[in-house]
Protein backbone atom coordinates (compact mmCIF):
# COMPACT_ATOMS: atom_id res chain seq x y z
CA UNK A 1 0.01 0.00 0.01
CA UNK A 2 2.80 2.38 0.88
CA UNK A 3 4.60 1.56 -2.39
CA UNK A 4 1.34 2.44 -4.29
CA UNK A 5 1.11 5.86 -2.60
CA UNK A 6 4.69 6.55 -3.36
CA UNK A 7 4.34 5.56 -7.04
CA UNK A 8 1.27 7.83 -7.26
CA UNK A 9 3.08 10.78 -5.60
CA UNK A 10 6.17 10.32 -7.96
CA UNK A 11 3.96 10.02 -10.97
CA UNK A 12 2.08 13.29 -10.19
CA UNK A 13 5.36 14.92 -9.37
CA UNK A 14 7.01 13.81 -12.67
CA UNK A 15 4.00 14.97 -14.70
CA UNK A 16 4.07 18.39 -12.94
CA UNK A 17 7.83 18.74 -13.57
CA UNK A 18 7.41 17.61 -17.16
CA UNK A 19 4.60 20.11 -17.69
CA UNK A 20 6.69 22.89 -16.16
CA UNK A 21 9.75 21.89 -18.10
CA UNK A 22 7.82 21.77 -21.38
CA UNK A 23 6.38 25.27 -20.71
CA UNK A 24 9.80 26.67 -19.96
CA UNK A 25 11.16 24.94 -23.13
CA UNK A 26 8.41 26.48 -25.28
CA UNK A 27 8.86 29.90 -23.76
CA UNK A 28 12.72 29.96 -24.27
CA UNK A 29 12.47 28.43 -27.80
CA UNK A 30 13.20 30.66 -30.78
CA UNK A 31 11.45 28.28 -33.09
CA UNK A 32 8.05 29.58 -34.07
CA UNK A 33 6.66 26.16 -34.80
CA UNK A 34 7.64 24.98 -31.32
CA UNK A 35 5.87 28.00 -29.78
CA UNK A 36 2.76 27.68 -32.06
CA UNK A 37 2.32 23.89 -31.18
CA UNK A 38 3.06 24.58 -27.59
CA UNK A 39 0.43 27.37 -27.28
CA UNK A 40 -2.19 25.05 -28.58
CA UNK A 41 -1.03 22.20 -26.39
CA UNK A 42 -1.65 24.30 -23.41
CA UNK A 43 -4.89 25.73 -24.75
CA UNK A 44 -6.36 22.23 -25.48
CA UNK A 45 -5.31 21.22 -21.99
CA UNK A 46 -7.12 24.00 -20.42
CA UNK A 47 -4.02 25.85 -19.32
CA UNK A 48 -5.24 29.14 -20.73
CA UNK A 49 -3.04 31.53 -18.78
CA UNK A 50 0.04 29.76 -20.13
CA UNK A 51 -1.50 29.53 -23.59
CA UNK A 52 -2.06 33.32 -23.48
CA UNK A 53 1.45 34.01 -22.64
CA UNK A 54 2.75 31.95 -25.37
CA UNK A 55 0.23 33.36 -28.01
CA UNK A 56 1.21 36.87 -26.78
CA UNK A 57 4.83 36.13 -27.56
CA UNK A 58 3.87 34.96 -31.00
CA UNK A 59 1.73 38.07 -32.09
CA UNK A 60 4.86 39.96 -33.24
CA UNK A 61 6.66 37.15 -34.81
CA UNK A 62 3.69 36.05 -36.76
CA UNK A 63 2.91 39.22 -38.32
CA UNK A 64 2.40 38.88 -42.10
CA UNK A 65 2.10 35.11 -41.86
CA UNK A 66 -0.99 33.15 -42.72
CA UNK A 67 -1.45 32.21 -39.01
CA UNK A 68 -1.40 35.81 -37.81
CA UNK A 69 -5.21 36.10 -37.29
CA UNK A 70 -5.28 32.66 -35.63
CA UNK A 71 -2.76 33.57 -33.05
CA UNK A 72 -4.37 36.92 -32.28
CA UNK A 73 -7.74 35.36 -31.97
CA UNK A 74 -6.58 32.53 -29.71
CA UNK A 75 -4.59 34.91 -27.59
CA UNK A 76 -7.76 36.94 -26.91
CA UNK A 77 -9.83 33.69 -26.46
CA UNK A 78 -7.24 32.26 -23.95
CA UNK A 79 -7.59 35.58 -21.92
CA UNK A 80 -11.38 35.37 -22.08
CA UNK A 81 -11.23 31.61 -20.84
CA UNK A 82 -9.21 32.34 -17.78
CA UNK A 83 -11.22 35.41 -16.85
CA UNK A 84 -9.17 38.34 -17.79
CA UNK A 85 -12.02 40.10 -19.57
CA UNK A 86 -10.42 43.56 -19.81
CA UNK A 87 -7.43 42.19 -21.71
CA UNK A 88 -9.60 39.92 -23.69
CA UNK A 89 -11.96 42.67 -24.71
CA UNK A 90 -9.03 44.96 -25.80
CA UNK A 91 -7.48 42.05 -27.80
CA UNK A 92 -10.78 41.18 -29.58
CA UNK A 93 -11.36 44.82 -30.40
CA UNK A 94 -7.79 44.94 -31.82
CA UNK A 95 -8.44 41.70 -33.79
CA UNK A 96 -11.56 43.02 -35.32
CA UNK A 97 -9.92 46.25 -36.52
CA UNK A 98 -7.18 44.24 -38.28
CA UNK A 99 -9.16 41.28 -39.53
CA UNK A 100 -12.65 42.35 -40.06
CA UNK A 101 -13.14 39.65 -42.75
CA UNK A 102 -11.52 36.75 -40.84
CA UNK A 103 -13.47 33.51 -40.27
CA UNK A 104 -13.11 34.24 -36.63
CA UNK A 105 -14.68 37.81 -36.86
CA UNK A 106 -18.20 37.00 -35.89
CA UNK A 107 -17.09 34.89 -32.93
CA UNK A 108 -14.53 37.54 -31.91
CA UNK A 109 -17.24 40.19 -32.10
CA UNK A 110 -19.61 38.27 -29.90
CA UNK A 111 -16.98 37.39 -27.39
CA UNK A 112 -15.96 41.00 -27.18
CA UNK A 113 -19.62 41.75 -26.24
CA UNK A 114 -19.36 38.96 -23.66
CA UNK A 115 -16.33 40.62 -22.09
CA UNK A 116 -18.14 43.98 -21.95
CA UNK A 117 -21.22 42.18 -20.34
CA UNK A 118 -18.92 40.87 -17.71
CA UNK A 119 -17.58 44.37 -17.11
CA UNK A 120 -20.82 45.96 -16.33
CA UNK A 121 -22.16 46.77 -12.78
CA UNK A 122 -25.50 46.41 -10.89
CA UNK A 123 -28.00 49.28 -11.30
CA UNK A 124 -26.70 51.08 -8.14
CA UNK A 125 -23.29 51.75 -9.59
CA UNK A 126 -21.92 53.66 -12.56
CA UNK A 127 -23.60 52.57 -15.81
CA UNK A 128 -20.98 53.97 -18.33
CA UNK A 129 -19.94 50.34 -19.09
CA UNK A 130 -23.55 49.31 -19.75
CA UNK A 131 -23.88 52.13 -22.20
CA UNK A 132 -20.68 51.10 -24.05
CA UNK A 133 -21.88 47.53 -24.15
CA UNK A 134 -25.30 48.43 -25.59
CA UNK A 135 -23.57 50.46 -28.29
CA UNK A 136 -21.40 47.58 -29.27
CA UNK A 137 -24.31 45.12 -29.14
CA UNK A 138 -26.50 47.36 -31.49
CA UNK A 139 -23.55 47.69 -33.94
CA UNK A 140 -23.14 43.85 -33.93
CA UNK A 141 -26.85 43.25 -34.63
CA UNK A 142 -26.84 45.88 -37.39
CA UNK A 143 -23.95 44.21 -39.10
CA UNK A 144 -24.99 40.54 -38.25
CA UNK A 145 -28.80 40.58 -38.12
CA UNK A 146 -29.08 36.85 -38.85
CA UNK A 147 -26.22 35.86 -36.53
CA UNK A 148 -26.52 32.74 -34.35
CA UNK A 149 -25.72 35.12 -31.38
CA UNK A 150 -28.52 37.60 -32.23
CA UNK A 151 -30.91 36.13 -29.71
CA UNK A 152 -28.55 36.16 -26.93
CA UNK A 153 -27.57 39.82 -27.83
CA UNK A 154 -31.07 40.88 -27.67
CA UNK A 155 -31.63 39.33 -24.20
CA UNK A 156 -28.44 41.21 -22.96
CA UNK A 157 -29.88 44.45 -24.42
CA UNK A 158 -33.13 43.70 -22.62
CA UNK A 159 -31.34 43.16 -19.33
CA UNK A 160 -29.23 46.31 -19.82
CA UNK A 161 -32.29 48.45 -20.46
CA UNK A 162 -34.03 47.07 -17.41
CA UNK A 163 -30.95 48.12 -15.38
CA UNK A 164 -30.99 51.54 -16.73
CA UNK A 165 -34.67 52.05 -16.17
CA UNK A 166 -34.38 50.84 -12.64
CA UNK A 167 -31.34 53.13 -11.97
CA UNK A 168 -33.32 56.11 -13.25
CA UNK A 169 -36.41 55.25 -11.10
CA UNK A 170 -34.47 54.50 -8.03
CA UNK A 171 -32.33 57.72 -8.28
CA UNK A 172 -35.52 59.78 -8.54
CA UNK A 173 -37.24 58.03 -5.72
CA UNK A 174 -34.38 58.52 -3.44
CA UNK A 175 -35.55 62.15 -3.01
CA UNK A 176 -38.97 60.70 -1.85
CA UNK A 177 -37.21 58.56 0.77
CA UNK A 178 -35.20 61.58 1.95
CA UNK A 179 -38.75 63.34 2.18
CA UNK A 180 -37.74 66.09 -0.24
CA UNK A 181 -41.21 65.73 -1.98
CA UNK A 182 -40.76 68.80 -4.36
CA UNK A 183 -37.48 67.41 -5.67
CA UNK A 184 -38.82 63.86 -6.00
CA UNK A 185 -41.98 65.07 -7.85
CA UNK A 186 -39.70 66.86 -10.39
CA UNK A 187 -37.16 64.10 -10.59
CA UNK A 188 -39.87 61.38 -11.19
CA UNK A 189 -41.67 63.36 -13.79
CA UNK A 190 -38.33 63.96 -15.53
CA UNK A 191 -37.64 60.14 -15.64
CA UNK A 192 -40.72 59.75 -17.88
CA UNK A 193 -40.02 62.89 -19.81
CA UNK A 194 -36.67 61.27 -20.83
CA UNK A 195 -38.17 57.86 -21.39
CA UNK A 196 -41.77 57.47 -21.47
CA UNK A 197 -41.47 53.63 -21.85
CA UNK A 198 -39.59 53.14 -18.57
CA UNK A 199 -40.44 49.70 -17.32
CA UNK A 200 -41.04 51.09 -13.81
CA UNK A 201 -43.77 53.50 -15.14
CA UNK A 202 -46.34 52.25 -12.75
CA UNK A 203 -44.20 52.96 -9.76
CA UNK A 204 -43.02 56.21 -11.09
CA UNK A 205 -46.50 57.59 -11.55
CA UNK A 206 -47.41 56.30 -8.22
CA UNK A 207 -44.64 58.07 -6.41
CA UNK A 208 -45.17 61.08 -8.47
CA UNK A 209 -48.75 61.34 -7.03
CA UNK A 210 -47.59 60.52 -3.52
CA UNK A 211 -44.98 63.28 -3.83
CA UNK A 212 -47.38 65.92 -5.00
CA UNK A 213 -49.87 65.01 -2.20
CA UNK A 214 -47.26 65.12 0.68
CA UNK A 215 -45.72 68.27 -0.75
CA UNK A 216 -49.22 69.82 -0.52
CA UNK A 217 -49.94 68.36 2.82
CA UNK A 218 -46.73 69.91 4.33
CA UNK A 219 -47.17 73.29 2.67
CA UNK A 220 -48.39 76.53 4.15
CA UNK A 221 -52.11 77.09 3.86
CA UNK A 222 -51.81 79.82 1.27
CA UNK A 223 -50.19 77.32 -1.15
CA UNK A 224 -52.12 74.20 -0.28
CA UNK A 225 -55.01 74.69 -2.66
CA UNK A 226 -52.99 74.91 -5.93
CA UNK A 227 -50.75 72.04 -4.74
CA UNK A 228 -53.57 69.75 -4.00
CA UNK A 229 -54.91 70.45 -7.36
CA UNK A 230 -51.51 69.24 -8.78
CA UNK A 231 -51.98 66.06 -6.95
CA UNK A 232 -55.41 65.63 -8.36
CA UNK A 233 -53.83 65.85 -11.88
CA UNK A 234 -51.23 63.25 -10.91
CA UNK A 235 -53.97 61.02 -9.38
CA UNK A 236 -55.95 61.06 -12.70
CA UNK A 237 -52.86 60.41 -14.64
CA UNK A 238 -52.18 57.44 -12.64
CA UNK A 239 -55.65 55.75 -12.51
CA UNK A 240 -56.30 56.35 -16.22
CA UNK A 241 -53.25 54.14 -17.02
CA UNK A 242 -53.49 51.69 -14.03
CA UNK A 243 -57.21 51.59 -12.95
CA UNK A 244 -56.75 48.16 -11.37
CA UNK A 245 -53.55 48.88 -9.58
CA UNK A 246 -53.00 47.56 -5.92
CA UNK A 247 -52.16 51.21 -5.11
CA UNK A 248 -55.53 52.46 -6.38
CA UNK A 249 -57.25 52.24 -2.92
CA UNK A 250 -54.50 54.23 -1.21
CA UNK A 251 -54.56 56.95 -3.84
CA UNK A 252 -58.36 57.05 -3.76
CA UNK A 253 -58.31 57.98 -0.07
CA UNK A 254 -55.69 60.68 -0.61
CA UNK A 255 -57.78 62.01 -3.44
CA UNK A 256 -60.83 62.44 -1.27
CA UNK A 257 -58.81 64.00 1.47
CA UNK A 258 -57.33 66.37 -1.09
CA UNK A 259 -60.56 67.47 -2.53
CA UNK A 260 -62.02 68.16 1.08
CA UNK A 261 -58.95 70.00 2.28
CA UNK A 262 -58.60 72.00 -0.94
CA UNK A 263 -62.34 73.14 -0.53
CA UNK A 264 -61.84 74.10 3.07
CA UNK A 265 -58.65 76.01 2.29
CA UNK A 266 -60.34 77.85 -0.58
CA UNK A 267 -63.43 78.93 1.62
CA UNK A 268 -60.90 80.00 4.34
CA UNK A 269 -59.06 82.08 1.71
CA UNK A 270 -62.25 83.65 0.55
CA UNK A 271 -63.21 84.65 4.05
CA UNK A 272 -59.79 86.03 4.68
CA UNK A 273 -59.98 88.10 1.47
CA UNK A 274 -63.26 89.60 2.46
CA UNK A 275 -61.97 90.47 5.90
CA UNK A 276 -58.82 91.99 4.66
CA UNK A 277 -60.36 93.72 1.56
CA UNK A 278 -62.65 96.74 2.50
CA UNK A 279 -63.61 97.36 -1.05
CA UNK A 280 -64.78 93.80 -1.57
CA UNK A 281 -66.58 93.80 1.83
CA UNK A 282 -68.44 97.00 0.83
CA UNK A 283 -69.30 95.55 -2.48
CA UNK A 284 -70.64 92.37 -0.93
CA UNK A 285 -72.73 94.55 1.56
CA UNK A 286 -74.33 96.40 -1.27
CA UNK A 287 -75.08 93.24 -3.01
CA UNK A 288 -76.82 91.98 0.13
CA UNK A 289 -78.70 95.21 0.48
CA UNK A 290 -79.91 94.99 -3.11
CA UNK A 291 -81.09 91.48 -2.64
CA UNK A 292 -82.99 92.49 0.52
CA UNK A 293 -84.67 95.41 -1.23
CA UNK A 294 -85.63 93.06 -4.18
CA UNK A 295 -87.20 90.68 -1.76
CA UNK A 296 -89.09 93.50 0.05
CA UNK A 297 -90.38 94.69 -3.37
CA UNK A 298 -91.40 91.22 -4.34
CA UNK A 299 -93.35 90.93 -0.99
CA UNK A 300 -95.09 94.23 -1.60
CA UNK A 301 -96.17 93.23 -5.10
CA UNK A 302 -97.48 89.93 -3.88
CA UNK A 303 -99.38 91.69 -1.06
CA UNK A 304 -100.83 94.23 -3.44
CA UNK A 305 -101.80 91.49 -5.88
CA UNK A 306 -103.50 89.69 -3.14
CA UNK A 307 -105.44 92.78 -2.14
CA UNK A 308 -106.45 93.37 -5.63
CA UNK A 309 -107.77 89.77 -5.90
CA UNK A 310 -109.70 90.14 -2.62
CA UNK A 311 -111.46 93.27 -3.91
CA UNK A 312 -112.55 91.60 -7.07
CA UNK A 313 -113.88 88.70 -5.08
CA UNK A 314 -115.77 91.04 -2.86
CA UNK A 315 -117.21 92.82 -5.85
CA UNK A 316 -118.31 89.72 -7.42
CA UNK A 317 -119.96 88.50 -4.28
CA UNK A 318 -121.84 91.75 -3.79
CA UNK A 319 -123.11 91.63 -7.25
CA UNK A 320 -124.37 88.04 -6.87
CA UNK A 321 -126.20 89.07 -3.66
CA UNK A 322 -127.92 92.15 -5.52
CA UNK A 323 -129.06 89.80 -8.26
CA UNK A 324 -130.70 87.44 -5.77
């Protein structure tokens, strides 16, 4: 049993030494064929870092030779396979500039997109890499509309757009969370102004209405009426698009409160204006006096008419008595 273990250890050690020795031999060799075969040896074994280093050394010596595009492509592919996406993306981009008609061009263009995809961040962080990736994907789809990678590219575009939509929505909603309702109302409306098809349109319109309601609620009385009217507009905008939304019941209650409060505020404002404006008060007093006089005149006319009727009735009765 012990002999078996020693044999196994020695075998693994010898293979490791052999592999390291072969790699060192290839790296030191000045023979292009030795390097070329060695690079593919390590690539096929899954030793992509070593393969990339050998391919990198061949890129200059292979210039002008038929294998130049192969070396450059596999150099980038080796970097991609062991996870160095930044270097791989740069190498694929360089390859496409030099060999746009190469048999590897379509694969290289797609793998460059995959590198850019891996370099993007979640929605909370900077989306500059996302915008770059989307630009490159759109260029790829324009040039290769029937590519076997087209569907996967469209899925990536869809994911990127969702990420950008969410970032816009969450960035604007942050003002609401901070209770800066005026800023959140402006920011949320601006999100839809820039992209009316934002996937978070339901939530954006909901928080827009909430922002205008709470902004009005926390305003001084003199400005509440107009700001509640703004909320009413936002409320109708929301329910016209999402009449069956789970947020409907909440907004309905705010709508009723807004109407009631706006009416009370308006009546109070009118009373204050009457008190503070002598001319208006005098005008209103004259109006009341005119209405009273009009009523008195009407009463007199009715009374006079009644007396006239009574007189005629008496005359008729007297005439009937004489005839008898």
